[in-house]
């Protein structure tokens, strides 16, 4: 029997708090789960620094990847024998679902910004490079790793396959909304996924939703909206991210100026030069990063040691609403005053902005074209979701942005009450 058709003697199941069970019958999928590059995802948290805000948010990208695989498995089960669905694409879809987040690094987005990296590039490298994952995929058929890479990269010729993994209503989002809601303990991310899966229909270039399932999709869109503002963009989580980013910036800056670290930061050296090899990239997970942060708490550099102590022991920066576009004069004065107070404003005065577009209609020609969600009407006509739903229409195409200014209030309080600098800083911050 060909490797791609090989089944396990017995179905393997993973107990899962969101989907109850994750079912694996294909030998290929089982082998991929056991690969070192996939097992590494156990050591990368799904929600980065959110565990410092929601203490339950300790789940990993490994959990999420299995969840996305399971949702796609269920969708494809429902697609069997339906027109427009090519069952030969089944294994490709399952592999792409399982491996879509393979390249995420530790505290993914903060690391990417500071070190100018892109996890999607590393996903491609793992799939196509000298890895166990590539060896397994290559056994399926010639060119199969490239096919999986194309699906994840959204360049695969069959757009229906791509839309299962990446669209405005895809398996990736359906898993992380429910999983993140479960582990953070909030009630926003829940929606009737079973209903959505039942009303999904394959069309030539995308998955569409039967019109009778519109209300379940509305619920999903609103869940996403709430999760972004209540969980993903939570101001306390962003405070931890700000400190994390500044730790990485400081360590990089010290390295560039020839600073002698007490412990040579071996795992970070290639990141400081922004040229890590795949092997070096895979060797740095969150456990390793946290080890360095704890070591750096005792560094002689006062900024690095203070920032690391804050991150490890959760002594985070405080924040106020602050729009730098409208408050440039206050920003410039604060920058001057922080310098005068002996607080380096490059590390202790940080504006952070978050924005989200919860749902968008089709805007052809834009840099990131978002294919809208289409409803399949009883007469087989397709209608764009926001044209039928007042709820979705009310938030469609509306980008919301939030600005915060982060600073160490504890350090300001330690200054003498007679200090005019302290008095003026607090005046600007709190009025």
Protein backbone atom coordinates (compact mmCIF):
# COMPACT_ATOMS: atom_id res chain seq x y z
CA UNK A 1 0.00 0.00 0.00
CA UNK A 2 1.25 3.49 -0.86
CA UNK A 3 2.42 5.54 2.16
CA UNK A 4 -0.18 8.25 1.46
CA UNK A 5 -3.00 5.68 1.75
CA UNK A 6 -1.62 3.91 4.80
CA UNK A 7 -3.91 3.77 7.85
CA UNK A 8 -3.01 3.02 11.46
CA UNK A 9 -4.13 -0.37 12.79
CA UNK A 10 -6.20 1.46 15.38
CA UNK A 11 -7.43 5.03 15.35
CA UNK A 12 -5.38 7.27 17.70
CA UNK A 13 -7.24 9.89 19.71
CA UNK A 14 -6.09 12.91 21.69
CA UNK A 15 -8.37 14.06 24.48
CA UNK A 16 -9.10 17.71 23.84
CA UNK A 17 -10.93 20.24 26.05
CA UNK A 18 -12.40 22.08 23.04
CA UNK A 19 -13.28 19.34 20.52
CA UNK A 20 -13.51 16.46 23.05
CA UNK A 21 -11.39 14.22 20.81
CA UNK A 22 -8.89 14.70 17.99
CA UNK A 23 -8.99 11.63 15.72
CA UNK A 24 -6.01 10.38 13.71
CA UNK A 25 -6.19 7.45 11.32
CA UNK A 26 -3.67 8.41 8.63
CA UNK A 27 -0.09 7.15 9.07
CA UNK A 28 1.24 10.37 7.52
CA UNK A 29 -0.51 12.58 10.10
CA UNK A 30 0.63 10.37 12.98
CA UNK A 31 4.23 10.54 11.78
CA UNK A 32 4.06 14.33 11.39
CA UNK A 33 2.78 14.77 14.96
CA UNK A 34 5.79 12.79 16.20
CA UNK A 35 8.34 14.88 14.25
CA UNK A 36 10.70 17.02 16.40
CA UNK A 37 9.75 20.22 14.57
CA UNK A 38 6.09 19.63 15.44
CA UNK A 39 6.78 18.54 19.02
CA UNK A 40 8.68 21.82 19.48
CA UNK A 41 5.31 23.64 19.30
CA UNK A 42 4.59 22.28 22.81
CA UNK A 43 7.26 24.76 23.98
CA UNK A 44 5.70 27.83 22.34
CA UNK A 45 2.61 29.33 23.97
CA UNK A 46 -0.36 30.06 21.74
CA UNK A 47 -1.03 33.42 23.41
CA UNK A 48 2.47 34.69 24.16
CA UNK A 49 2.39 36.96 27.22
CA UNK A 50 -1.37 36.60 27.86
CA UNK A 51 -0.68 34.17 30.72
CA UNK A 52 0.40 37.21 32.77
CA UNK A 53 -3.16 38.58 32.41
CA UNK A 54 -5.23 35.38 32.22
CA UNK A 55 -3.50 32.79 34.38
CA UNK A 56 -5.08 29.87 32.49
CA UNK A 57 -3.62 30.90 29.13
CA UNK A 58 -0.75 28.40 29.26
CA UNK A 59 -1.84 26.42 26.19
CA UNK A 60 0.55 25.87 23.31
CA UNK A 61 0.67 26.11 19.54
CA UNK A 62 0.80 22.29 19.60
CA UNK A 63 -2.73 22.21 21.11
CA UNK A 64 -4.01 24.71 18.57
CA UNK A 65 -2.43 22.94 15.57
CA UNK A 66 -4.09 19.66 16.51
CA UNK A 67 -7.38 21.55 16.91
CA UNK A 68 -7.18 23.09 13.42
CA UNK A 69 -6.41 19.66 11.98
CA UNK A 70 -9.48 18.21 13.74
CA UNK A 71 -11.82 20.94 12.43
CA UNK A 72 -10.59 20.41 8.86
CA UNK A 73 -10.98 16.65 9.29
CA UNK A 74 -14.64 17.17 10.26
CA UNK A 75 -15.27 19.63 7.42
CA UNK A 76 -13.86 17.17 4.87
CA UNK A 77 -15.99 14.37 6.31
CA UNK A 78 -19.04 16.57 5.59
CA UNK A 79 -17.72 17.37 2.09
CA UNK A 80 -17.51 13.73 1.01
CA UNK A 81 -19.51 13.10 -2.20
CA UNK A 82 -20.45 16.77 -2.55
CA UNK A 83 -20.05 18.49 -5.93
CA UNK A 84 -17.00 20.79 -6.28
CA UNK A 85 -15.00 18.73 -3.78
CA UNK A 86 -12.02 16.68 -5.01
CA UNK A 87 -11.35 13.95 -2.43
CA UNK A 88 -7.77 13.65 -3.74
CA UNK A 89 -7.04 16.92 -1.89
CA UNK A 90 -7.98 15.41 1.49
CA UNK A 91 -4.50 14.52 2.78
CA UNK A 92 -3.07 17.82 1.52
CA UNK A 93 -5.72 19.75 3.49
CA UNK A 94 -5.07 17.75 6.66
CA UNK A 95 -1.29 18.23 6.44
CA UNK A 96 -1.61 21.98 5.78
CA UNK A 97 -4.03 22.34 8.71
CA UNK A 98 -1.72 20.49 11.08
CA UNK A 99 1.45 22.32 9.98
CA UNK A 100 0.17 25.86 9.34
CA UNK A 101 1.84 27.36 12.47
CA UNK A 102 5.04 25.33 12.31
CA UNK A 103 7.35 28.36 12.05
CA UNK A 104 6.18 30.29 15.10
CA UNK A 105 8.99 31.25 17.44
CA UNK A 106 8.97 32.07 21.16
CA UNK A 107 6.60 34.95 22.08
CA UNK A 108 6.16 35.04 18.33
CA UNK A 109 5.12 38.56 17.40
CA UNK A 110 7.47 40.42 19.78
CA UNK A 111 10.47 38.40 18.56
CA UNK A 112 9.51 38.95 14.93
CA UNK A 113 9.26 42.74 15.30
CA UNK A 114 12.55 43.17 17.17
CA UNK A 115 14.61 40.75 15.08
CA UNK A 116 12.86 41.54 11.76
CA UNK A 117 11.84 37.94 11.17
CA UNK A 118 8.72 36.37 9.71
CA UNK A 119 7.43 33.06 11.10
CA UNK A 120 5.85 32.27 7.72
CA UNK A 121 9.32 32.20 6.12
CA UNK A 122 10.42 29.67 8.73
CA UNK A 123 7.28 27.58 8.17
CA UNK A 124 8.32 27.35 4.53
CA UNK A 125 11.92 26.48 5.49
CA UNK A 126 10.78 23.67 7.80
CA UNK A 127 8.49 22.25 5.12
CA UNK A 128 11.06 22.44 2.32
CA UNK A 129 14.41 22.17 4.15
CA UNK A 130 16.47 19.40 5.71
CA UNK A 131 13.93 18.39 8.38
CA UNK A 132 12.04 15.33 9.59
CA UNK A 133 8.82 17.03 8.47
CA UNK A 134 10.15 17.35 4.92
CA UNK A 135 11.30 13.71 4.89
CA UNK A 136 7.79 12.54 5.89
CA UNK A 137 6.00 14.77 3.36
CA UNK A 138 8.39 13.74 0.58
CA UNK A 139 7.40 10.08 1.10
CA UNK A 140 3.79 10.94 0.17
CA UNK A 141 4.64 11.84 -3.42
CA UNK A 142 7.04 13.95 -5.46
CA UNK A 143 6.41 17.66 -4.89
CA UNK A 144 4.09 17.10 -1.91
CA UNK A 145 6.09 19.30 0.53
CA UNK A 146 5.84 22.12 -2.04
CA UNK A 147 2.07 21.62 -2.29
CA UNK A 148 1.66 21.87 1.50
CA UNK A 149 3.89 24.97 1.51
CA UNK A 150 1.78 26.54 -1.26
CA UNK A 151 -1.48 25.95 0.62
CA UNK A 152 -0.10 27.56 3.78
CA UNK A 153 1.40 30.38 1.71
CA UNK A 154 -1.99 30.94 0.02
CA UNK A 155 -0.49 30.40 -3.45
CA UNK A 156 -1.93 26.94 -4.17
CA UNK A 157 -3.98 26.79 -7.39
CA UNK A 158 -7.05 25.30 -5.67
CA UNK A 159 -8.42 28.30 -3.73
CA UNK A 160 -11.09 26.15 -2.08
CA UNK A 161 -8.32 24.22 -0.29
CA UNK A 162 -6.63 27.48 0.76
CA UNK A 163 -9.89 28.92 2.11
CA UNK A 164 -10.25 26.04 4.59
CA UNK A 165 -7.00 27.12 6.29
CA UNK A 166 -6.99 30.84 5.57
CA UNK A 167 -10.07 33.01 5.02
CA UNK A 168 -12.44 35.13 7.08
CA UNK A 169 -14.13 31.97 8.32
CA UNK A 170 -11.49 29.23 8.44
CA UNK A 171 -10.50 26.33 10.66
CA UNK A 172 -7.60 28.33 12.13
CA UNK A 173 -9.86 31.08 13.50
CA UNK A 174 -12.60 28.68 14.57
CA UNK A 175 -10.11 26.79 16.71
CA UNK A 176 -8.19 29.66 18.28
CA UNK A 177 -11.31 31.64 19.22
CA UNK A 178 -12.80 28.70 21.12
CA UNK A 179 -9.48 27.45 22.53
CA UNK A 180 -8.33 30.87 23.69
CA UNK A 181 -11.73 31.54 25.27
CA UNK A 182 -11.58 28.20 27.09
CA UNK A 183 -8.09 28.69 28.50
CA UNK A 184 -8.49 32.38 29.39
CA UNK A 185 -11.83 31.67 31.04
CA UNK A 186 -13.77 34.38 29.17
CA UNK A 187 -17.20 33.79 27.71
CA UNK A 188 -16.80 35.78 24.46
CA UNK A 189 -15.19 33.27 22.09
CA UNK A 190 -17.96 30.68 22.06
CA UNK A 191 -20.14 30.12 19.00
CA UNK A 192 -22.01 27.21 17.44
CA UNK A 193 -19.19 25.63 15.43
CA UNK A 194 -21.10 22.39 14.83
CA UNK A 195 -23.84 24.38 13.13
CA UNK A 196 -21.32 26.25 10.95
CA UNK A 197 -19.64 23.00 9.89
CA UNK A 198 -23.01 21.52 8.95
CA UNK A 199 -23.93 24.46 6.68
CA UNK A 200 -20.53 24.82 4.95
CA UNK A 201 -20.59 23.99 1.25
CA UNK A 202 -17.64 23.65 -1.15
CA UNK A 203 -17.75 25.92 -4.20
CA UNK A 204 -15.19 26.24 -6.98
CA UNK A 205 -12.88 28.71 -5.25
CA UNK A 206 -14.06 29.01 -1.63
CA UNK A 207 -16.21 27.58 1.12
CA UNK A 208 -19.65 29.21 1.34
CA UNK A 209 -22.33 29.08 4.05
CA UNK A 210 -25.94 28.08 3.53
CA UNK A 211 -28.16 31.09 4.20
CA UNK A 212 -29.96 29.19 6.98
CA UNK A 213 -26.70 29.24 8.97
CA UNK A 214 -26.27 33.03 8.85
CA UNK A 215 -27.00 33.58 12.54
CA UNK A 216 -24.30 31.12 13.60
CA UNK A 217 -21.83 33.03 11.41
CA UNK A 218 -22.94 36.36 12.94
CA UNK A 219 -22.21 34.87 16.34
CA UNK A 220 -18.75 33.79 15.14
CA UNK A 221 -17.93 37.27 13.77
CA UNK A 222 -19.01 38.96 17.02
CA UNK A 223 -17.03 36.39 19.04
CA UNK A 224 -13.95 37.33 17.07
CA UNK A 225 -14.61 41.05 17.60
CA UNK A 226 -14.97 40.61 21.37
CA UNK A 227 -11.95 38.31 21.71
CA UNK A 228 -9.65 40.81 20.02
CA UNK A 229 -10.55 43.66 22.35
CA UNK A 230 -11.12 41.70 25.56
CA UNK A 231 -8.26 39.18 25.25
CA UNK A 232 -5.75 39.66 22.41
CA UNK A 233 -5.42 43.45 22.85
CA UNK A 234 -5.85 43.47 26.63
CA UNK A 235 -3.80 46.44 27.94
CA UNK A 236 -2.07 44.36 30.64
CA UNK A 237 -0.96 41.76 28.07
CA UNK A 238 0.34 44.60 25.92
CA UNK A 239 2.28 45.95 28.92
CA UNK A 240 4.05 42.59 29.22
CA UNK A 241 4.71 42.61 25.46
CA UNK A 242 6.17 46.12 25.66
CA UNK A 243 8.60 45.01 28.40
CA UNK A 244 9.48 41.83 26.49
CA UNK A 245 10.22 43.84 23.32
CA UNK A 246 12.39 46.24 25.29
CA UNK A 247 14.33 43.34 26.87
CA UNK A 248 15.14 42.03 23.40
CA UNK A 249 16.02 45.51 22.09
CA UNK A 250 18.31 46.13 25.09
CA UNK A 251 20.08 42.78 24.82
CA UNK A 252 20.60 43.38 21.08
CA UNK A 253 21.90 46.92 21.68
CA UNK A 254 24.30 45.73 24.40
CA UNK A 255 25.63 43.01 22.12
CA UNK A 256 26.20 45.55 19.33
CA UNK A 257 28.20 47.83 21.67
CA UNK A 258 30.48 44.96 22.76
CA UNK A 259 28.98 44.51 26.25
CA UNK A 260 30.29 41.43 28.09
CA UNK A 261 27.34 39.36 29.27
CA UNK A 262 27.94 37.30 32.44
CA UNK A 263 26.64 34.31 30.48
CA UNK A 264 27.29 34.37 26.74
CA UNK A 265 23.85 34.58 25.09
CA UNK A 266 24.65 31.74 22.68
CA UNK A 267 21.05 31.08 21.59
CA UNK A 268 20.49 34.78 20.77
CA UNK A 269 23.68 35.62 18.86
CA UNK A 270 22.34 34.83 15.38
CA UNK A 271 19.09 36.69 16.24
CA UNK A 272 21.08 39.80 17.19
CA UNK A 273 22.50 39.82 13.65
CA UNK A 274 19.01 39.01 12.26
CA UNK A 275 20.36 35.98 10.39
CA UNK A 276 19.48 32.81 12.34
CA UNK A 277 19.80 29.51 10.49
CA UNK A 278 16.85 27.14 10.67
CA UNK A 279 18.70 25.02 13.25
CA UNK A 280 19.39 28.06 15.43
CA UNK A 281 15.81 29.28 15.05
CA UNK A 282 14.36 25.94 16.16
CA UNK A 283 16.73 25.77 19.14
CA UNK A 284 15.28 28.92 20.74
CA UNK A 285 11.93 28.17 22.36
CA UNK A 286 10.18 29.92 25.27
CA UNK A 287 11.79 27.78 27.97
CA UNK A 288 15.24 28.75 26.67
CA UNK A 289 14.26 32.44 26.37
CA UNK A 290 12.92 32.49 29.95
CA UNK A 291 16.18 30.91 31.17
CA UNK A 292 18.11 33.84 29.72
CA UNK A 293 15.67 36.40 31.16
CA UNK A 294 16.19 34.92 34.64
CA UNK A 295 19.98 34.99 34.18
CA UNK A 296 19.82 38.58 32.89
CA UNK A 297 18.02 39.69 36.07
CA UNK A 298 21.51 39.64 37.61
CA UNK A 299 23.29 41.45 34.77
CA UNK A 300 25.30 44.57 35.57
CA UNK A 301 23.39 46.63 33.02
CA UNK A 302 20.65 48.26 35.15
CA UNK A 303 18.12 48.58 32.30
CA UNK A 304 18.35 44.94 31.16
CA UNK A 305 18.28 43.56 34.72
CA UNK A 306 15.32 45.78 35.70
CA UNK A 307 13.27 44.90 32.59
CA UNK A 308 13.94 41.16 33.05
CA UNK A 309 12.99 41.30 36.74
CA UNK A 310 9.76 43.08 35.78
CA UNK A 311 8.88 40.48 33.13
CA UNK A 312 9.76 37.41 35.22
CA UNK A 313 8.04 38.68 38.39
CA UNK A 314 5.15 40.46 36.64
CA UNK A 315 5.94 44.01 37.74
CA UNK A 316 4.44 45.55 34.64
CA UNK A 317 4.23 49.10 33.38
CA UNK A 318 1.10 51.15 34.05
CA UNK A 319 -0.73 52.80 31.17
CA UNK A 320 -3.00 55.67 30.16
CA UNK A 321 -5.01 56.40 27.02
CA UNK A 322 -2.68 58.43 24.81
CA UNK A 323 -2.88 59.27 21.11
CA UNK A 324 0.56 60.33 19.83
CA UNK A 325 -1.01 61.79 16.69
CA UNK A 326 -2.98 64.28 18.78
CA UNK A 327 -0.61 64.67 21.74
CA UNK A 328 2.79 65.13 20.11
CA UNK A 329 3.73 68.11 22.33
CA UNK A 330 3.01 66.16 25.53
CA UNK A 331 4.99 63.23 24.13
CA UNK A 332 8.04 65.41 23.40
CA UNK A 333 7.89 67.02 26.85
CA UNK A 334 7.54 63.65 28.58
CA UNK A 335 10.50 62.33 26.59
CA UNK A 336 12.61 65.28 27.83
CA UNK A 337 11.38 64.93 31.43
CA UNK A 338 12.04 61.17 31.58
CA UNK A 339 15.62 61.79 30.46
CA UNK A 340 15.98 64.44 33.15
CA UNK A 341 14.61 61.99 35.75
CA UNK A 342 17.22 59.37 34.78
CA UNK A 343 14.67 57.08 33.11
CA UNK A 344 15.76 56.23 29.59
CA UNK A 345 12.59 57.05 27.57
CA UNK A 346 13.59 54.61 24.82
CA UNK A 347 12.92 51.83 27.34
CA UNK A 348 10.57 53.36 29.93
CA UNK A 349 8.18 55.51 27.89
CA UNK A 350 6.42 53.50 25.19
CA UNK A 351 3.40 54.17 22.99
CA UNK A 352 1.66 50.97 21.88
CA UNK A 353 -1.12 50.92 19.30
CA UNK A 354 -3.44 48.04 18.44
CA UNK A 355 -5.98 47.88 15.65
CA UNK A 356 -8.36 45.31 14.25
CA UNK A 357 -10.71 44.94 11.29
CA UNK A 358 -13.29 42.37 12.48
CA UNK A 359 -14.82 41.68 9.05
CA UNK A 360 -14.29 43.16 5.63
CA UNK A 361 -16.10 43.09 2.33
CA UNK A 362 -14.15 42.58 -0.89
CA UNK A 363 -11.71 45.38 -1.78
CA UNK A 364 -10.03 44.32 -5.05
CA UNK A 365 -6.50 45.50 -5.62
CA UNK A 366 -5.72 46.18 -1.95
CA UNK A 367 -2.43 44.87 -0.57
CA UNK A 368 -4.23 42.26 1.53
CA UNK A 369 -7.36 41.23 -0.30
CA UNK A 370 -9.80 39.63 2.11
CA UNK A 371 -12.22 37.32 0.39
CA UNK A 372 -15.61 37.98 1.99
CA UNK A 373 -17.92 35.32 3.43
CA UNK A 374 -20.64 34.36 0.96
CA UNK A 375 -24.07 32.98 1.77
CA UNK A 376 -25.64 30.37 -0.50
CA UNK A 377 -29.28 31.41 -0.97
CA UNK A 378 -32.11 28.90 -1.53
CA UNK A 379 -32.08 29.78 -5.26
CA UNK A 380 -28.33 28.87 -5.35
CA UNK A 381 -27.34 32.52 -5.76
CA UNK A 382 -24.37 33.80 -3.69
CA UNK A 383 -24.78 36.91 -1.53
CA UNK A 384 -22.02 38.63 0.47
CA UNK A 385 -22.62 38.31 4.24
CA UNK A 386 -22.72 42.01 5.19
CA UNK A 387 -25.39 42.63 2.52
CA UNK A 388 -27.72 40.20 4.31
CA UNK A 389 -26.77 40.72 7.95
CA UNK A 390 -27.41 44.04 9.73
CA UNK A 391 -25.16 42.93 12.59
CA UNK A 392 -22.17 42.21 10.36
CA UNK A 393 -22.86 45.27 8.21
CA UNK A 394 -22.59 47.49 11.31
CA UNK A 395 -18.94 46.48 11.90
CA UNK A 396 -17.93 45.66 8.32
CA UNK A 397 -14.88 47.51 7.00
CA UNK A 398 -14.55 49.51 10.23
CA UNK A 399 -11.02 49.53 11.61
CA UNK A 400 -10.78 50.25 15.32
CA UNK A 401 -7.50 51.50 16.78
CA UNK A 402 -6.49 51.92 20.40
CA UNK A 403 -3.41 53.81 21.70
CA UNK A 404 -1.84 53.42 25.14
CA UNK A 405 1.21 55.02 26.78
CA UNK A 406 3.19 52.66 29.04
CA UNK A 407 5.56 53.75 31.83
CA UNK A 408 6.94 52.52 35.21
CA UNK A 409 4.75 54.35 37.73
CA UNK A 410 6.64 52.71 40.62
CA UNK A 411 9.87 54.43 39.52
CA UNK A 412 8.12 57.79 39.33
CA UNK A 413 6.68 57.33 42.82
CA UNK A 414 10.17 56.63 44.17
CA UNK A 415 11.28 60.14 43.14
CA UNK A 416 11.29 62.87 45.80
CA UNK A 417 7.96 64.61 46.29
CA UNK A 418 9.88 67.90 46.08
CA UNK A 419 10.99 67.07 42.53
CA UNK A 420 9.51 69.49 39.98
CA UNK A 421 10.24 66.93 37.25
CA UNK A 422 8.13 64.28 39.01
CA UNK A 423 5.32 66.77 39.59
CA UNK A 424 5.26 67.82 35.92
CA UNK A 425 5.41 64.21 34.63
CA UNK A 426 2.44 63.19 36.78
CA UNK A 427 0.56 66.34 35.73
CA UNK A 428 0.89 65.43 32.05
CA UNK A 429 0.05 61.75 32.66
CA UNK A 430 -2.90 62.16 34.99
CA UNK A 431 -3.97 65.80 34.56
